[in-house]
């Protein structure tokens, strides 16, 4: 996430397939990063959204036009 609150390209590339239900390894392969980086990016987005689950992150992402 950028300082202005907008998502980076990689954040969007990680968030989109997560919303489709893909597991971390599949997201990592698709984006070209490690599964651990996927987890770190999603955790950072969850912290920014002040949510504790990926399901809530998906709701927040849709409600706030992150995707």
N, C-alpha and C. Protein backbone atom coordinates (compact mmCIF):
# COMPACT_ATOMS: atom_id res chain seq x y z
N UNK A 1 0.84 -1.16 0.00
CA UNK A 1 0.00 0.00 0.00
C UNK A 1 0.89 1.23 0.00
N UNK A 2 0.45 2.22 -0.74
CA UNK A 2 1.21 3.47 -0.85
C UNK A 2 0.87 4.40 0.32
N UNK A 3 1.67 5.43 0.48
CA UNK A 3 1.45 6.40 1.56
C UNK A 3 0.10 7.10 1.44
N UNK A 4 -0.38 7.26 0.21
CA UNK A 4 -1.66 7.95 0.01
C UNK A 4 -2.87 7.03 0.21
N UNK A 5 -2.62 5.76 0.58
CA UNK A 5 -3.71 4.82 0.85
C UNK A 5 -4.14 4.00 -0.34
N UNK A 6 -3.56 4.26 -1.51
CA UNK A 6 -3.94 3.47 -2.68
C UNK A 6 -3.11 2.18 -2.73
N UNK A 7 -3.65 1.20 -3.41
CA UNK A 7 -2.97 -0.09 -3.52
C UNK A 7 -1.89 -0.05 -4.58
N UNK A 8 -0.82 -0.77 -4.33
CA UNK A 8 0.21 -0.92 -5.35
C UNK A 8 -0.26 -1.96 -6.36
N UNK A 9 0.42 -2.04 -7.47
CA UNK A 9 0.08 -3.03 -8.49
C UNK A 9 0.19 -4.44 -7.92
N UNK A 10 1.25 -4.71 -7.17
CA UNK A 10 1.43 -6.04 -6.59
C UNK A 10 0.33 -6.35 -5.58
N UNK A 11 -0.08 -5.36 -4.77
CA UNK A 11 -1.17 -5.58 -3.83
C UNK A 11 -2.45 -5.99 -4.57
N UNK A 12 -2.73 -5.33 -5.66
CA UNK A 12 -3.91 -5.69 -6.47
C UNK A 12 -3.77 -7.09 -7.07
N UNK A 13 -2.55 -7.40 -7.54
CA UNK A 13 -2.30 -8.71 -8.14
C UNK A 13 -2.44 -9.82 -7.10
N UNK A 14 -2.16 -9.53 -5.85
CA UNK A 14 -2.31 -10.52 -4.78
C UNK A 14 -3.77 -10.58 -4.31
N UNK A 15 -4.41 -9.44 -4.22
CA UNK A 15 -5.77 -9.38 -3.69
C UNK A 15 -6.79 -10.01 -4.64
N UNK A 16 -6.67 -9.76 -5.92
CA UNK A 16 -7.65 -10.29 -6.89
C UNK A 16 -7.81 -11.81 -6.81
N UNK A 17 -6.71 -12.58 -6.93
CA UNK A 17 -6.89 -14.04 -6.85
C UNK A 17 -7.28 -14.53 -5.46
N UNK A 18 -6.89 -13.79 -4.40
CA UNK A 18 -7.33 -14.16 -3.06
C UNK A 18 -8.84 -14.09 -2.97
N UNK A 19 -9.41 -13.06 -3.60
CA UNK A 19 -10.87 -12.92 -3.61
C UNK A 19 -11.54 -14.04 -4.40
N UNK A 20 -10.81 -14.62 -5.34
CA UNK A 20 -11.34 -15.74 -6.12
C UNK A 20 -11.18 -17.07 -5.40
N UNK A 21 -10.48 -17.05 -4.27
CA UNK A 21 -10.34 -18.26 -3.49
C UNK A 21 -9.08 -19.06 -3.74
N UNK A 22 -8.13 -18.50 -4.48
CA UNK A 22 -6.89 -19.24 -4.75
C UNK A 22 -6.04 -19.32 -3.49
N UNK A 23 -5.35 -20.43 -3.29
CA UNK A 23 -4.43 -20.55 -2.15
C UNK A 23 -3.17 -19.73 -2.38
N UNK A 24 -2.44 -19.50 -1.30
CA UNK A 24 -1.25 -18.65 -1.35
C UNK A 24 -0.24 -19.11 -2.40
N UNK A 25 -0.01 -20.40 -2.49
CA UNK A 25 0.97 -20.91 -3.46
C UNK A 25 0.57 -20.60 -4.90
N UNK A 26 -0.72 -20.74 -5.19
CA UNK A 26 -1.20 -20.45 -6.54
C UNK A 26 -1.08 -18.95 -6.83
N UNK A 27 -1.40 -18.12 -5.84
CA UNK A 27 -1.25 -16.67 -6.01
C UNK A 27 0.21 -16.33 -6.27
N UNK A 28 1.09 -16.94 -5.48
CA UNK A 28 2.52 -16.67 -5.61
C UNK A 28 3.02 -17.04 -7.01
N UNK A 29 2.61 -18.20 -7.51
CA UNK A 29 3.01 -18.61 -8.86
C UNK A 29 2.49 -17.63 -9.90
N UNK A 30 1.26 -17.22 -9.75
CA UNK A 30 0.62 -16.32 -10.72
C UNK A 30 1.32 -14.95 -10.74
N UNK A 31 1.67 -14.45 -9.57
CA UNK A 31 2.25 -13.11 -9.47
C UNK A 31 3.78 -13.14 -9.66
N UNK A 32 4.39 -14.28 -9.37
CA UNK A 32 5.83 -14.39 -9.50
C UNK A 32 6.59 -13.98 -8.25
N UNK A 33 5.97 -14.22 -7.09
CA UNK A 33 6.60 -13.93 -5.81
C UNK A 33 6.51 -15.17 -4.94
N UNK A 34 7.12 -15.15 -3.78
CA UNK A 34 7.10 -16.32 -2.89
C UNK A 34 5.78 -16.37 -2.12
N UNK A 35 5.37 -17.58 -1.69
CA UNK A 35 4.16 -17.69 -0.87
C UNK A 35 4.25 -16.86 0.41
N UNK A 36 5.44 -16.76 0.98
CA UNK A 36 5.60 -15.96 2.20
C UNK A 36 5.36 -14.47 1.92
N UNK A 37 5.77 -14.00 0.76
CA UNK A 37 5.51 -12.61 0.39
C UNK A 37 4.02 -12.38 0.21
N UNK A 38 3.32 -13.36 -0.35
CA UNK A 38 1.86 -13.27 -0.46
C UNK A 38 1.26 -13.10 0.93
N UNK A 39 1.68 -13.93 1.87
CA UNK A 39 1.16 -13.86 3.24
C UNK A 39 1.46 -12.50 3.87
N UNK A 40 2.68 -12.00 3.67
CA UNK A 40 3.04 -10.70 4.26
C UNK A 40 2.21 -9.58 3.64
N UNK A 41 2.02 -9.61 2.35
CA UNK A 41 1.22 -8.57 1.68
C UNK A 41 -0.22 -8.59 2.17
N UNK A 42 -0.79 -9.79 2.26
CA UNK A 42 -2.18 -9.89 2.72
C UNK A 42 -2.30 -9.44 4.18
N UNK A 43 -1.33 -9.80 5.02
CA UNK A 43 -1.34 -9.37 6.42
C UNK A 43 -1.26 -7.85 6.49
N UNK A 44 -0.43 -7.22 5.67
CA UNK A 44 -0.31 -5.77 5.66
C UNK A 44 -1.64 -5.12 5.24
N UNK A 45 -2.30 -5.71 4.24
CA UNK A 45 -3.60 -5.19 3.82
C UNK A 45 -4.64 -5.36 4.92
N UNK A 46 -4.61 -6.49 5.61
CA UNK A 46 -5.54 -6.72 6.72
C UNK A 46 -5.30 -5.71 7.84
N UNK A 47 -4.03 -5.43 8.13
CA UNK A 47 -3.72 -4.43 9.17
C UNK A 47 -4.22 -3.05 8.75
N UNK A 48 -4.03 -2.70 7.50
CA UNK A 48 -4.50 -1.41 6.99
C UNK A 48 -6.01 -1.30 7.09
N UNK A 49 -6.70 -2.39 6.78
CA UNK A 49 -8.16 -2.40 6.80
C UNK A 49 -8.73 -2.62 8.21
N UNK A 50 -7.85 -2.91 9.17
CA UNK A 50 -8.27 -3.18 10.55
C UNK A 50 -9.23 -4.36 10.62
N UNK A 51 -8.89 -5.43 9.91
CA UNK A 51 -9.70 -6.65 9.94
C UNK A 51 -8.82 -7.82 10.36
N UNK A 52 -9.46 -8.90 10.81
CA UNK A 52 -8.70 -10.03 11.34
C UNK A 52 -8.82 -11.30 10.52
N UNK A 53 -9.54 -11.24 9.41
CA UNK A 53 -9.65 -12.44 8.58
C UNK A 53 -9.64 -12.05 7.10
N UNK A 54 -9.31 -13.02 6.29
CA UNK A 54 -9.30 -12.76 4.84
C UNK A 54 -10.71 -12.52 4.32
N UNK A 55 -11.68 -13.13 4.94
CA UNK A 55 -13.07 -12.91 4.54
C UNK A 55 -13.46 -11.44 4.77
N UNK A 56 -13.08 -10.92 5.92
CA UNK A 56 -13.35 -9.51 6.19
C UNK A 56 -12.53 -8.60 5.27
N UNK A 57 -11.32 -9.03 4.93
CA UNK A 57 -10.50 -8.25 3.99
C UNK A 57 -11.21 -8.17 2.64
N UNK A 58 -11.77 -9.27 2.18
CA UNK A 58 -12.52 -9.28 0.93
C UNK A 58 -13.70 -8.33 0.96
N UNK A 59 -14.43 -8.35 2.07
CA UNK A 59 -15.57 -7.44 2.23
C UNK A 59 -15.09 -5.99 2.21
N UNK A 60 -14.02 -5.73 2.95
CA UNK A 60 -13.48 -4.37 3.01
C UNK A 60 -13.00 -3.93 1.62
N UNK A 61 -12.31 -4.81 0.92
CA UNK A 61 -11.79 -4.49 -0.41
C UNK A 61 -12.92 -4.13 -1.37
N UNK A 62 -13.99 -4.90 -1.33
CA UNK A 62 -15.13 -4.63 -2.21
C UNK A 62 -15.85 -3.34 -1.79
N UNK A 63 -16.00 -3.14 -0.51
CA UNK A 63 -16.73 -1.96 0.01
C UNK A 63 -15.97 -0.66 -0.24
N UNK A 64 -14.64 -0.75 -0.33
CA UNK A 64 -13.83 0.46 -0.47
C UNK A 64 -13.20 0.59 -1.85
N UNK A 65 -13.73 -0.14 -2.82
CA UNK A 65 -13.27 -0.06 -4.21
C UNK A 65 -11.79 -0.32 -4.37
N UNK A 66 -11.25 -1.29 -3.61
CA UNK A 66 -9.86 -1.67 -3.76
C UNK A 66 -9.69 -2.55 -5.00
N UNK A 67 -10.75 -3.13 -5.48
CA UNK A 67 -10.68 -4.00 -6.66
C UNK A 67 -11.70 -3.56 -7.67
